C-alpha atoms as a PDB file:
ATOM      1  CA  MET A   1     -37.513  -2.404 -73.249  1.00  0.00           C
ATOM      2  CA  ALA A   2     -34.925  -1.267 -70.816  1.00  0.00           C
ATOM      3  CA  ILE A   3     -34.103  -0.613 -67.624  1.00  0.00           C
ATOM      4  CA  THR A   4     -33.078   2.254 -65.655  1.00  0.00           C
ATOM      5  CA  LEU A   5     -30.595   1.193 -62.435  1.00  0.00           C
ATOM      6  CA  SER A   6     -30.265   3.328 -61.025  1.00  0.00           C
ATOM      7  CA  ARG A   7     -27.624   1.654 -58.826  1.00  0.00           C
ATOM      8  CA  MET A   8     -26.095  -1.711 -59.045  1.00  0.00           C
ATOM      9  CA  TRP A   9     -23.567  -3.186 -56.486  1.00  0.00           C
ATOM     10  CA  SER A  10     -22.470  -6.270 -54.709  1.00  0.00           C
ATOM     11  CA  TYR A  11     -21.837  -6.998 -50.930  1.00  0.00           C
ATOM     12  CA  THR A  12     -21.151  -9.915 -48.696  1.00  0.00           C
ATOM     13  CA  VAL A  13     -23.028 -11.023 -45.401  1.00  0.00           C
ATOM     14  CA  GLY A  14     -23.212 -12.958 -42.800  1.00  0.00           C
ATOM     15  CA  GLY A  15     -20.456 -15.342 -41.446  1.00  0.00           C
ATOM     16  CA  ARG A  16     -17.898 -15.581 -38.911  1.00  0.00           C
ATOM     17  CA  PRO A  17     -13.979 -16.187 -37.786  1.00  0.00           C
ATOM     18  CA  HIS A  18     -12.902 -19.076 -37.606  1.00  0.00           C
ATOM     19  CA  VAL A  19      -9.330 -19.898 -35.484  1.00  0.00           C
ATOM     20  CA  THR A  20      -7.430 -22.809 -37.278  1.00  0.00           C
ATOM     21  CA  ARG A  21      -4.828 -24.969 -34.897  1.00  0.00           C
ATOM     22  CA  GLY A  22      -2.663 -27.562 -35.208  1.00  0.00           C
ATOM     23  CA  GLN A  23      -2.130 -28.087 -39.364  1.00  0.00           C
ATOM     24  CA  PRO A  24       1.626 -28.162 -40.759  1.00  0.00           C
ATOM     25  CA  VAL A  25       3.476 -26.058 -42.665  1.00  0.00           C
ATOM     26  CA  GLN A  26       2.920 -26.903 -46.222  1.00  0.00           C
ATOM     27  CA  ARG A  27       5.437 -26.110 -49.119  1.00  0.00           C
ATOM     28  CA  LEU A  28       3.396 -25.510 -52.154  1.00  0.00           C
ATOM     29  CA  THR A  29       4.392 -23.874 -56.070  1.00  0.00           C
ATOM     30  CA  ILE A  30       2.219 -21.056 -56.825  1.00  0.00           C
ATOM     31  CA  SER A  31       3.360 -21.284 -60.483  1.00  0.00           C
ATOM     32  CA  ARG A  32       6.157 -21.420 -62.885  1.00  0.00           C
ATOM     33  CA  THR A  33       7.540 -19.267 -61.270  1.00  0.00           C
ATOM     34  CA  LEU A  34       6.812 -18.774 -57.858  1.00  0.00           C
ATOM     35  CA  SER A  35       7.872 -22.351 -55.772  1.00  0.00           C
ATOM     36  CA  GLY A  36       8.975 -23.168 -52.618  1.00  0.00           C
ATOM     37  CA  TYR A  37       6.167 -20.959 -50.930  1.00  0.00           C
ATOM     38  CA  ASP A  38       5.454 -22.005 -47.132  1.00  0.00           C
ATOM     39  CA  HIS A  39       1.889 -21.738 -46.458  1.00  0.00           C
ATOM     40  CA  ASP A  40       0.985 -21.963 -42.768  1.00  0.00           C
ATOM     41  CA  PRO A  41      -2.349 -22.426 -42.988  1.00  0.00           C
ATOM     42  CA  ASN A  42      -3.368 -21.856 -38.823  1.00  0.00           C
ATOM     43  CA  GLY A  43      -5.245 -18.510 -37.839  1.00  0.00           C
ATOM     44  CA  VAL A  44      -8.611 -16.806 -39.168  1.00  0.00           C
ATOM     45  CA  ARG A  45     -10.601 -17.555 -41.871  1.00  0.00           C
ATOM     46  CA  TRP A  46     -14.072 -16.046 -42.563  1.00  0.00           C
ATOM     47  CA  CYS A  47     -16.703 -18.899 -42.736  1.00  0.00           C
ATOM     48  CA  GLY A  48     -20.149 -18.739 -43.332  1.00  0.00           C
ATOM     49  CA  ALA A  49     -20.343 -15.792 -45.816  1.00  0.00           C
ATOM     50  CA  ALA A  50     -22.948 -14.823 -48.296  1.00  0.00           C
ATOM     51  CA  TYR A  51     -22.068 -12.855 -51.503  1.00  0.00           C
ATOM     52  CA  VAL A  52     -24.755 -10.415 -52.755  1.00  0.00           C
ATOM     53  CA  GLN A  53     -25.017  -8.962 -56.149  1.00  0.00           C
ATOM     54  CA  ALA A  54     -28.049  -6.064 -56.069  1.00  0.00           C
ATOM     55  CA  TYR A  55     -29.581  -4.071 -58.776  1.00  0.00           C
ATOM     56  CA  GLN A  56     -32.023  -1.077 -57.338  1.00  0.00           C
ATOM     57  CA  PRO A  57     -34.390  -0.382 -60.657  1.00  0.00           C
ATOM     58  CA  ALA A  58     -35.007   3.688 -60.527  1.00  0.00           C
ATOM     59  CA  GLY A  59     -38.055   4.856 -58.937  1.00  0.00           C
ATOM     60  CA  ALA A  60     -38.774   1.342 -57.069  1.00  0.00           C
ATOM     61  CA  SER A  61     -41.418   1.389 -54.635  1.00  0.00           C
ATOM     62  CA  ARG A  62     -41.281  -2.427 -53.983  1.00  0.00           C
ATOM     63  CA  PRO A  63     -39.165  -4.080 -51.195  1.00  0.00           C
ATOM     64  CA  PRO A  64     -36.264  -5.747 -52.182  1.00  0.00           C
ATOM     65  CA  LEU A  65     -36.648  -8.894 -53.539  1.00  0.00           C
ATOM     66  CA  VAL A  66     -34.272 -11.606 -52.541  1.00  0.00           C
ATOM     67  CA  LEU A  67     -33.691 -14.921 -54.903  1.00  0.00           C
ATOM     68  CA  LEU A  68     -31.779 -17.966 -53.320  1.00  0.00           C
ATOM     69  CA  PRO A  69     -30.885 -20.821 -56.149  1.00  0.00           C
ATOM     70  CA  GLY A  70     -31.258 -24.406 -55.248  1.00  0.00           C
ATOM     71  CA  GLY A  71     -28.466 -26.729 -53.834  1.00  0.00           C
ATOM     72  CA  GLY A  72     -25.118 -27.213 -56.277  1.00  0.00           C
ATOM     73  CA  LEU A  73     -26.160 -23.707 -58.204  1.00  0.00           C
ATOM     74  CA  SER A  74     -25.373 -20.442 -57.486  1.00  0.00           C
ATOM     75  CA  GLY A  75     -27.013 -16.916 -58.377  1.00  0.00           C
ATOM     76  CA  SER A  76     -25.906 -16.954 -61.763  1.00  0.00           C
ATOM     77  CA  ILE A  77     -29.049 -19.640 -62.126  1.00  0.00           C
ATOM     78  CA  TRP A  78     -31.656 -15.828 -62.306  1.00  0.00           C
ATOM     79  CA  GLU A  79     -29.256 -14.149 -64.539  1.00  0.00           C
ATOM     80  CA  SER A  80     -30.086 -16.228 -67.626  1.00  0.00           C
ATOM     81  CA  THR A  81     -31.009 -19.604 -69.230  1.00  0.00           C
ATOM     82  CA  PRO A  82     -29.289 -22.201 -70.626  1.00  0.00           C
ATOM     83  CA  ASP A  83     -30.765 -20.675 -74.046  1.00  0.00           C
ATOM     84  CA  GLY A  84     -29.689 -17.956 -74.029  1.00  0.00           C
ATOM     85  CA  ARG A  85     -32.709 -15.160 -72.860  1.00  0.00           C
ATOM     86  CA  ASP A  86     -33.035 -12.959 -70.131  1.00  0.00           C
ATOM     87  CA  GLY A  87     -33.482 -14.416 -66.818  1.00  0.00           C
ATOM     88  CA  TRP A  88     -35.587 -13.321 -64.053  1.00  0.00           C
ATOM     89  CA  LEU A  89     -33.348 -11.256 -63.316  1.00  0.00           C
ATOM     90  CA  THR A  90     -33.894  -8.822 -66.082  1.00  0.00           C
ATOM     91  CA  ASP A  91     -38.109 -10.255 -65.526  1.00  0.00           C
ATOM     92  CA  PHE A  92     -38.071  -8.659 -61.946  1.00  0.00           C
ATOM     93  CA  LEU A  93     -36.239  -5.319 -62.529  1.00  0.00           C
ATOM     94  CA  HIS A  94     -38.667  -4.999 -65.304  1.00  0.00           C
ATOM     95  CA  HIS A  95     -41.515  -5.774 -62.602  1.00  0.00           C
ATOM     96  CA  GLY A  96     -40.037  -2.810 -60.717  1.00  0.00           C
ATOM     97  CA  TRP A  97     -38.728  -4.995 -57.585  1.00  0.00           C
ATOM     98  CA  PRO A  98     -35.141  -4.224 -56.434  1.00  0.00           C
ATOM     99  CA  VAL A  99     -33.179  -7.377 -56.784  1.00  0.00           C
ATOM    100  CA  HIS A 100     -30.760  -8.714 -54.606  1.00  0.00           C
ATOM    101  CA  ILE A 101     -29.299 -12.147 -56.607  1.00  0.00           C
ATOM    102  CA  VAL A 102     -26.895 -14.576 -53.680  1.00  0.00           C
ATOM    103  CA  ASP A 103     -24.790 -17.023 -53.377  1.00  0.00           C
ATOM    104  CA  PRO A 104     -24.891 -18.773 -50.616  1.00  0.00           C
ATOM    105  CA  PRO A 105     -21.753 -20.204 -48.843  1.00  0.00           C
ATOM    106  CA  GLU A 106     -19.681 -21.960 -50.397  1.00  0.00           C
ATOM    107  CA  ARG A 107     -21.525 -21.263 -54.072  1.00  0.00           C
ATOM    108  CA  GLY A 108     -20.108 -19.033 -56.454  1.00  0.00           C
ATOM    109  CA  ARG A 109     -18.086 -16.191 -55.117  1.00  0.00           C
ATOM    110  CA  ALA A 110     -19.073 -16.653 -51.681  1.00  0.00           C
ATOM    111  CA  GLY A 111     -16.238 -17.681 -49.915  1.00  0.00           C
ATOM    112  CA  TRP A 112     -15.596 -21.708 -48.095  1.00  0.00           C
ATOM    113  CA  ASN A 113     -12.844 -22.746 -45.407  1.00  0.00           C
ATOM    114  CA  PRO A 114     -12.013 -26.172 -45.816  1.00  0.00           C
ATOM    115  CA  TYR A 115     -11.142 -25.902 -42.244  1.00  0.00           C
ATOM    116  CA  ALA A 116     -14.215 -25.074 -40.947  1.00  0.00           C
ATOM    117  CA  ALA A 117     -17.052 -28.047 -40.250  1.00  0.00           C
ATOM    118  CA  PRO A 118     -18.988 -28.858 -42.772  1.00  0.00           C
ATOM    119  CA  TYR A 119     -16.721 -28.173 -45.273  1.00  0.00           C
ATOM    120  CA  GLN A 120     -13.837 -30.582 -43.709  1.00  0.00           C
ATOM    121  CA  THR A 121     -16.782 -33.218 -45.525  1.00  0.00           C
ATOM    122  CA  ARG A 122     -16.345 -34.554 -49.139  1.00  0.00           C
ATOM    123  CA  PRO A 123     -18.505 -32.419 -51.262  1.00  0.00           C
ATOM    124  CA  VAL A 124     -20.869 -33.679 -53.853  1.00  0.00           C
ATOM    125  CA  SER A 125     -21.073 -33.192 -57.091  1.00  0.00           C
ATOM    126  CA  ARG A 126     -24.385 -33.864 -59.622  1.00  0.00           C
ATOM    127  CA  THR A 127     -23.873 -36.250 -62.511  1.00  0.00           C
ATOM    128  CA  ALA A 128     -25.695 -34.787 -66.117  1.00  0.00           C
ATOM    129  CA  GLU A 129     -27.444 -38.012 -65.256  1.00  0.00           C
ATOM    130  CA  GLU A 130     -28.485 -36.719 -61.958  1.00  0.00           C
ATOM    131  CA  ILE A 131     -29.536 -33.665 -63.305  1.00  0.00           C
ATOM    132  CA  TRP A 132     -31.256 -34.660 -66.275  1.00  0.00           C
ATOM    133  CA  THR A 133     -33.214 -37.377 -63.626  1.00  0.00           C
ATOM    134  CA  ASN A 134     -33.551 -34.581 -60.953  1.00  0.00           C
ATOM    135  CA  PHE A 135     -34.994 -31.710 -62.381  1.00  0.00           C
ATOM    136  CA  ARG A 136     -37.357 -33.804 -64.648  1.00  0.00           C
ATOM    137  CA  ILE A 137     -36.000 -32.710 -67.917  1.00  0.00           C
ATOM    138  CA  GLY A 138     -36.499 -36.613 -69.221  1.00  0.00           C
ATOM    139  CA  ARG A 139     -37.094 -40.736 -67.927  1.00  0.00           C
ATOM    140  CA  LEU A 140     -34.350 -42.570 -66.445  1.00  0.00           C
ATOM    141  CA  GLY A 141     -32.356 -45.498 -68.556  1.00  0.00           C
ATOM    142  CA  ALA A 142     -29.916 -44.903 -70.683  1.00  0.00           C
ATOM    143  CA  HIS A 143     -31.677 -45.367 -73.679  1.00  0.00           C
ATOM    144  CA  ARG A 144     -34.791 -42.970 -72.693  1.00  0.00           C
ATOM    145  CA  GLY A 145     -32.762 -40.808 -70.725  1.00  0.00           C
ATOM    146  CA  TRP A 146     -29.605 -38.556 -70.625  1.00  0.00           C
ATOM    147  CA  VAL A 147     -27.606 -40.772 -73.478  1.00  0.00           C
ATOM    148  CA  ASP A 148     -30.263 -40.125 -75.834  1.00  0.00           C
ATOM    149  CA  ARG A 149     -31.334 -37.010 -74.458  1.00  0.00           C
ATOM    150  CA  VAL A 150     -35.338 -38.072 -75.272  1.00  0.00           C
ATOM    151  CA  PRO A 151     -36.731 -35.865 -72.444  1.00  0.00           C
ATOM    152  CA  PHE A 152     -40.329 -36.015 -71.183  1.00  0.00           C
ATOM    153  CA  SER A 153     -42.735 -34.833 -74.190  1.00  0.00           C
ATOM    154  CA  GLY A 154     -43.919 -31.484 -73.822  1.00  0.00           C
ATOM    155  CA  THR A 155     -40.952 -30.481 -72.036  1.00  0.00           C
ATOM    156  CA  ARG A 156     -39.790 -26.544 -71.263  1.00  0.00           C
ATOM    157  CA  PHE A 157     -37.013 -26.912 -70.476  1.00  0.00           C
ATOM    158  CA  PRO A 158     -34.169 -25.936 -73.774  1.00  0.00           C
ATOM    159  CA  VAL A 159     -32.833 -29.031 -73.665  1.00  0.00           C
ATOM    160  CA  GLN A 160     -31.027 -28.552 -76.620  1.00  0.00           C
ATOM    161  CA  ASP A 161     -28.861 -26.591 -74.662  1.00  0.00           C
ATOM    162  CA  ILE A 162     -29.200 -28.035 -71.819  1.00  0.00           C
ATOM    163  CA  ASP A 163     -24.295 -28.665 -71.589  1.00  0.00           C
ATOM    164  CA  ALA A 164     -24.964 -24.918 -70.609  1.00  0.00           C
ATOM    165  CA  MET A 165     -26.746 -26.319 -68.016  1.00  0.00           C
ATOM    166  CA  LEU A 166     -24.337 -28.715 -67.131  1.00  0.00           C
ATOM    167  CA  ARG A 167     -21.325 -25.848 -66.786  1.00  0.00           C
ATOM    168  CA  LEU A 168     -23.355 -23.929 -63.900  1.00  0.00           C
ATOM    169  CA  SER A 169     -23.538 -27.187 -61.772  1.00  0.00           C
ATOM    170  CA  GLY A 170     -20.673 -26.959 -58.705  1.00  0.00           C
ATOM    171  CA  PRO A 171     -20.091 -28.976 -55.500  1.00  0.00           C
ATOM    172  CA  ARG A 172     -21.845 -29.034 -52.841  1.00  0.00           C
ATOM    173  CA  TRP A 173     -22.085 -30.015 -48.621  1.00  0.00           C
ATOM    174  CA  PRO A 174     -25.343 -31.498 -47.971  1.00  0.00           C
ATOM    175  CA  ALA A 175     -24.716 -30.333 -44.255  1.00  0.00           C
ATOM    176  CA  SER A 176     -24.391 -26.755 -44.830  1.00  0.00           C
ATOM    177  CA  THR A 177     -27.980 -25.962 -45.199  1.00  0.00           C
ATOM    178  CA  GLU A 178     -27.783 -23.934 -41.500  1.00  0.00           C
ATOM    179  CA  ILE A 179     -24.954 -22.317 -42.242  1.00  0.00           C
ATOM    180  CA  ALA A 180     -26.585 -21.400 -45.694  1.00  0.00           C
ATOM    181  CA  VAL A 181     -29.634 -20.135 -43.157  1.00  0.00           C
ATOM    182  CA  ALA A 182     -28.107 -18.275 -40.684  1.00  0.00           C
ATOM    183  CA  ALA A 183     -26.797 -16.045 -44.441  1.00  0.00           C
ATOM    184  CA  ALA A 184     -29.551 -15.249 -45.453  1.00  0.00           C
ATOM    185  CA  VAL A 185     -30.757 -14.028 -41.788  1.00  0.00           C
ATOM    186  CA  ALA A 186     -27.850 -11.929 -41.640  1.00  0.00           C
ATOM    187  CA  LEU A 187     -28.914 -10.396 -44.658  1.00  0.00           C
ATOM    188  CA  VAL A 188     -32.843  -9.365 -43.977  1.00  0.00           C
ATOM    189  CA  ASP A 189     -31.445  -8.136 -41.176  1.00  0.00           C
ATOM    190  CA  GLN A 190     -29.130  -5.909 -42.678  1.00  0.00           C
ATOM    191  CA  LEU A 191     -31.891  -5.202 -45.915  1.00  0.00           C
ATOM    192  CA  GLY A 192     -35.298  -4.909 -43.315  1.00  0.00           C
ATOM    193  CA  PRO A 193     -38.538  -5.648 -45.135  1.00  0.00           C
ATOM    194  CA  CYS A 194     -38.238  -8.012 -48.099  1.00  0.00           C
ATOM    195  CA  VAL A 195     -39.909 -10.910 -50.242  1.00  0.00           C
ATOM    196  CA  LEU A 196     -37.570 -14.259 -50.441  1.00  0.00           C
ATOM    197  CA  ILE A 197     -38.106 -16.710 -53.634  1.00  0.00           C
ATOM    198  CA  GLY A 198     -36.109 -19.776 -52.688  1.00  0.00           C
ATOM    199  CA  HIS A 199     -35.778 -22.230 -55.282  1.00  0.00           C
ATOM    200  CA  SER A 200     -35.207 -26.493 -54.425  1.00  0.00           C
ATOM    201  CA  HIS A 201     -32.374 -26.658 -51.746  1.00  0.00           C
ATOM    202  CA  GLY A 202     -33.508 -22.777 -51.751  1.00  0.00           C
ATOM    203  CA  GLY A 203     -36.938 -23.656 -49.714  1.00  0.00           C
ATOM    204  CA  PHE A 204     -34.644 -23.066 -46.705  1.00  0.00           C
ATOM    205  CA  ALA A 205     -36.399 -19.729 -47.289  1.00  0.00           C
ATOM    206  CA  ALA A 206     -38.924 -20.899 -45.125  1.00  0.00           C
ATOM    207  CA  GLU A 207     -37.041 -21.531 -42.759  1.00  0.00           C
ATOM    208  CA  VAL A 208     -35.632 -17.794 -42.746  1.00  0.00           C
ATOM    209  CA  ALA A 209     -39.122 -15.963 -43.116  1.00  0.00           C
ATOM    210  CA  ALA A 210     -40.047 -18.087 -39.711  1.00  0.00           C
ATOM    211  CA  ALA A 211     -37.219 -16.530 -38.110  1.00  0.00           C
ATOM    212  CA  ARG A 212     -38.104 -12.444 -39.458  1.00  0.00           C
ATOM    213  CA  PRO A 213     -41.228 -12.974 -39.865  1.00  0.00           C
ATOM    214  CA  THR A 214     -41.539  -8.847 -39.159  1.00  0.00           C
ATOM    215  CA  LEU A 215     -39.390  -8.113 -42.164  1.00  0.00           C
ATOM    216  CA  VAL A 216     -39.684 -11.200 -44.734  1.00  0.00           C
ATOM    217  CA  ARG A 217     -43.949 -10.141 -45.864  1.00  0.00           C
ATOM    218  CA  ALA A 218     -43.546 -12.573 -48.010  1.00  0.00           C
ATOM    219  CA  CYS A 219     -41.862 -16.127 -49.634  1.00  0.00           C
ATOM    220  CA  VAL A 220     -42.115 -17.751 -52.609  1.00  0.00           C
ATOM    221  CA  LEU A 221     -41.139 -21.433 -52.115  1.00  0.00           C
ATOM    222  CA  ILE A 222     -40.207 -22.512 -56.240  1.00  0.00           C
ATOM    223  CA  GLU A 223     -40.598 -27.014 -55.482  1.00  0.00           C
ATOM    224  CA  PRO A 224     -38.681 -26.350 -52.055  1.00  0.00           C
ATOM    225  CA  HIS A 225     -37.214 -29.115 -50.391  1.00  0.00           C
ATOM    226  CA  GLY A 226     -35.068 -27.053 -47.589  1.00  0.00           C
ATOM    227  CA  THR A 227     -35.757 -26.556 -44.323  1.00  0.00           C
ATOM    228  CA  LEU A 228     -40.006 -27.395 -44.537  1.00  0.00           C
ATOM    229  CA  ALA A 229     -40.668 -27.159 -40.380  1.00  0.00           C
ATOM    230  CA  PRO A 230     -43.726 -25.784 -40.043  1.00  0.00           C
ATOM    231  CA  PRO A 231     -44.201 -22.057 -39.856  1.00  0.00           C
ATOM    232  CA  PRO A 232     -45.274 -20.077 -36.487  1.00  0.00           C
ATOM    233  CA  ALA A 233     -48.333 -17.714 -36.792  1.00  0.00           C
ATOM    234  CA  GLY A 234     -47.614 -14.613 -37.584  1.00  0.00           C
ATOM    235  CA  THR A 235     -45.193 -15.564 -40.820  1.00  0.00           C
ATOM    236  CA  GLY A 236     -46.477 -13.888 -43.813  1.00  0.00           C
ATOM    237  CA  PRO A 237     -48.320 -15.222 -46.913  1.00  0.00           C
ATOM    238  CA  GLN A 238     -46.445 -17.727 -49.047  1.00  0.00           C
ATOM    239  CA  LEU A 239     -47.088 -18.954 -52.469  1.00  0.00           C
ATOM    240  CA  LEU A 240     -45.614 -22.744 -53.056  1.00  0.00           C
ATOM    241  CA  VAL A 241     -44.736 -23.571 -56.855  1.00  0.00           C
ATOM    242  CA  ARG A 242     -44.679 -26.879 -58.661  1.00  0.00           C
ATOM    243  CA  GLY A 243     -44.610 -27.881 -62.488  1.00  0.00           C
ATOM    244  CA  ASP A 244     -45.872 -30.299 -64.326  1.00  0.00           C
ATOM    245  CA  PHE A 245     -44.594 -33.801 -64.732  1.00  0.00           C
ATOM    246  CA  LEU A 246     -45.289 -34.864 -60.621  1.00  0.00           C
ATOM    247  CA  ASP A 247     -48.238 -37.490 -61.812  1.00  0.00           C
ATOM    248  CA  GLU A 248     -48.337 -41.435 -60.620  1.00  0.00           C
ATOM    249  CA  ASP A 249     -46.627 -42.231 -64.422  1.00  0.00           C
ATOM    250  CA  HIS A 250     -43.607 -39.582 -63.929  1.00  0.00           C
ATOM    251  CA  LEU A 251     -42.958 -40.340 -60.669  1.00  0.00           C
ATOM    252  CA  ASP A 252     -41.930 -43.565 -61.313  1.00  0.00           C
ATOM    253  CA  GLN A 253     -39.062 -41.831 -63.004  1.00  0.00           C
ATOM    254  CA  VAL A 254     -37.814 -39.531 -60.348  1.00  0.00           C
ATOM    255  CA  PRO A 255     -39.131 -41.119 -57.481  1.00  0.00           C
ATOM    256  CA  VAL A 256     -37.405 -38.356 -54.747  1.00  0.00           C
ATOM    257  CA  TYR A 257     -40.384 -35.674 -55.891  1.00  0.00           C
ATOM    258  CA  ARG A 258     -43.255 -38.568 -54.606  1.00  0.00           C
ATOM    259  CA  ASN A 259     -41.706 -37.437 -50.481  1.00  0.00           C
ATOM    260  CA  LEU A 260     -42.046 -34.171 -51.690  1.00  0.00           C
ATOM    261  CA  VAL A 261     -45.401 -33.756 -53.395  1.00  0.00           C
ATOM    262  CA  ALA A 262     -46.369 -35.260 -49.507  1.00  0.00           C
ATOM    263  CA  ALA A 263     -44.220 -33.076 -47.466  1.00  0.00           C
ATOM    264  CA  TRP A 264     -45.541 -29.762 -49.880  1.00  0.00           C
ATOM    265  CA  ALA A 265     -48.843 -31.071 -48.747  1.00  0.00           C
ATOM    266  CA  ASP A 266     -47.906 -31.841 -45.196  1.00  0.00           C
ATOM    267  CA  TYR A 267     -46.443 -28.374 -44.835  1.00  0.00           C
ATOM    268  CA  ARG A 268     -49.709 -26.198 -46.031  1.00  0.00           C
ATOM    269  CA  ALA A 269     -51.434 -27.911 -43.680  1.00  0.00           C
ATOM    270  CA  ALA A 270     -49.735 -27.502 -40.737  1.00  0.00           C
ATOM    271  CA  ALA A 271     -49.413 -23.629 -41.975  1.00  0.00           C
ATOM    272  CA  THR A 272     -52.742 -23.586 -42.515  1.00  0.00           C
ATOM    273  CA  ARG A 273     -53.447 -24.514 -38.689  1.00  0.00           C
ATOM    274  CA  ALA A 274     -50.780 -21.987 -37.800  1.00  0.00           C
ATOM    275  CA  GLY A 275     -52.705 -19.186 -39.221  1.00  0.00           C
ATOM    276  CA  VAL A 276     -50.380 -18.697 -41.955  1.00  0.00           C
ATOM    277  CA  ARG A 277     -51.215 -18.148 -45.757  1.00  0.00           C
ATOM    278  CA  VAL A 278     -50.271 -20.638 -48.509  1.00  0.00           C
ATOM    279  CA  ASP A 279     -50.754 -20.312 -51.288  1.00  0.00           C
ATOM    280  CA  VAL A 280     -50.253 -22.842 -54.005  1.00  0.00           C
ATOM    281  CA  LEU A 281     -49.169 -22.396 -57.624  1.00  0.00           C
ATOM    282  CA  ASP A 282     -49.570 -26.037 -59.842  1.00  0.00           C
ATOM    283  CA  LEU A 283     -48.616 -24.453 -62.727  1.00  0.00           C
ATOM    284  CA  VAL A 284     -50.574 -27.492 -64.531  1.00  0.00           C
ATOM    285  CA  GLY A 285     -53.827 -26.666 -62.558  1.00  0.00           C
ATOM    286  CA  SER A 286     -53.496 -23.755 -64.466  1.00  0.00           C
ATOM    287  CA  GLY A 287     -53.565 -24.356 -67.843  1.00  0.00           C
ATOM    288  CA  ILE A 288     -49.410 -24.215 -67.883  1.00  0.00           C
ATOM    289  CA  THR A 289     -47.943 -27.413 -69.181  1.00  0.00           C
ATOM    290  CA  GLY A 290     -44.675 -28.369 -69.356  1.00  0.00           C
ATOM    291  CA  ASN A 291     -42.565 -27.340 -66.484  1.00  0.00           C
ATOM    292  CA  THR A 292     -39.675 -28.845 -65.251  1.00  0.00           C
ATOM    293  CA  HIS A 293     -38.638 -28.007 -61.991  1.00  0.00           C
ATOM    294  CA  MET A 294     -35.886 -25.636 -63.064  1.00  0.00           C
ATOM    295  CA  VAL A 295     -38.665 -23.087 -64.062  1.00  0.00           C
ATOM    296  CA  MET A 296     -36.923 -20.583 -63.909  1.00  0.00           C
ATOM    297  CA  CYS A 297     -34.596 -22.111 -67.321  1.00  0.00           C
ATOM    298  CA  ASP A 298     -37.777 -23.158 -68.646  1.00  0.00           C
ATOM    299  CA  ASP A 299     -39.004 -21.479 -71.898  1.00  0.00           C
ATOM    300  CA  ASN A 300     -42.295 -19.998 -70.454  1.00  0.00           C
ATOM    301  CA  SER A 301     -40.079 -18.781 -67.632  1.00  0.00           C
ATOM    302  CA  HIS A 302     -41.261 -14.963 -68.663  1.00  0.00           C
ATOM    303  CA  GLN A 303     -45.025 -15.805 -67.942  1.00  0.00           C
ATOM    304  CA  VAL A 304     -44.198 -17.830 -64.573  1.00  0.00           C
ATOM    305  CA  ALA A 305     -42.434 -14.869 -63.604  1.00  0.00           C
ATOM    306  CA  ALA A 306     -44.985 -12.415 -63.654  1.00  0.00           C
ATOM    307  CA  LEU A 307     -47.313 -14.586 -62.636  1.00  0.00           C
ATOM    308  CA  LEU A 308     -45.268 -14.675 -59.488  1.00  0.00           C
ATOM    309  CA  SER A 309     -45.129 -10.851 -59.420  1.00  0.00           C
ATOM    310  CA  GLU A 310     -48.836 -10.286 -59.604  1.00  0.00           C
ATOM    311  CA  TRP A 311     -49.541 -12.922 -56.738  1.00  0.00           C
ATOM    312  CA  LEU A 312     -46.904 -10.169 -54.338  1.00  0.00           C
ATOM    313  CA  ASP A 313     -48.671  -7.650 -55.292  1.00  0.00           C
ATOM    314  CA  ARG A 314     -51.838  -8.618 -54.761  1.00  0.00           C
ATOM    315  CA  CYS A 315     -50.057  -9.840 -51.017  1.00  0.00           C
ATOM    316  CA  ILE A 316     -48.480  -7.039 -50.008  1.00  0.00           C
ATOM    317  CA  GLY A 317     -48.319  -4.247 -52.911  1.00  0.00           C
ATOM    318  CA  PRO A 318     -45.486  -1.833 -53.734  1.00  0.00           C
ATOM    319  CA  ARG A 319     -44.844   0.116 -51.137  1.00  0.00           C
ATOM    320  CA  ALA A 320     -43.130   3.255 -51.520  1.00  0.00           C
ATOM    321  CA  ASP A 321     -41.351   3.382 -47.493  1.00  0.00           C
ATOM    322  CA  ASP A 322     -40.375  -0.552 -47.778  1.00  0.00           C
ATOM    323  CA  ALA A 323     -37.579   0.799 -51.126  1.00  0.00           C
ATOM    324  CA  ALA A 324     -34.124  -0.365 -50.690  1.00  0.00           C
END
């Protein structure tokens, strides 16, 4: 089914000017035809801005849906799957949502400033082995895991196309959460009433929702590990999504999730005490097995997107006065 857009555009939001001083002039070779160029790094640069690609379906009546990617990933993770299927961008447009895809500061098409904290520290970049394990695609061990590409039995991740996933992974600065949150808050202030979907590190969407409870009408947290401080009273409804391979047999292979599973339960309990609604979509408990940490890439991604859209409509319903 074709999608008719009334508008497609991009913009930047958030951040602040940063002044660099005391750095030596650098003599650079810019290209084969431009050498001996003196670059003075002292002066004003921007730091902490996010890049946003926005899509407005014709006649849409729902509030904007903001997609926040996980750590080391850019907004491209929402556009298509590693095996070339339409991504959640297309799914949510079909469901009638205006979609704003975010590249947080330092990711994708968002800029970064090497002279401002935290970018003066050394970034980290995931290996294929780390992605294989931490995204819960397959087991640890050279002969059971990445080298032989033996996935968990029943996985829905398109293992044959994992190289496309690896090409999307970029460097990340572990101390950049505060900057990412600030840019997302600035985005919400600019958009007005909206819905957030945050994946993994993008679970800092919960902090954004807590900071702007009257503007974030609902929030979907997909296996979050971003800031999960107890939400204050008045925060809108939230949905916490968890996939497969989180039972005891698999947690021994992906131990990082042992703490995360407990953190999700603690977060929901704290939210309940504050009077904040946090529903849980346990895909396995719903009879949907095989989903990895990268649920938006799995072979049933369209099905999961439909479940999220249905939950959002039940919580907030489409309202024409909230359209972007």
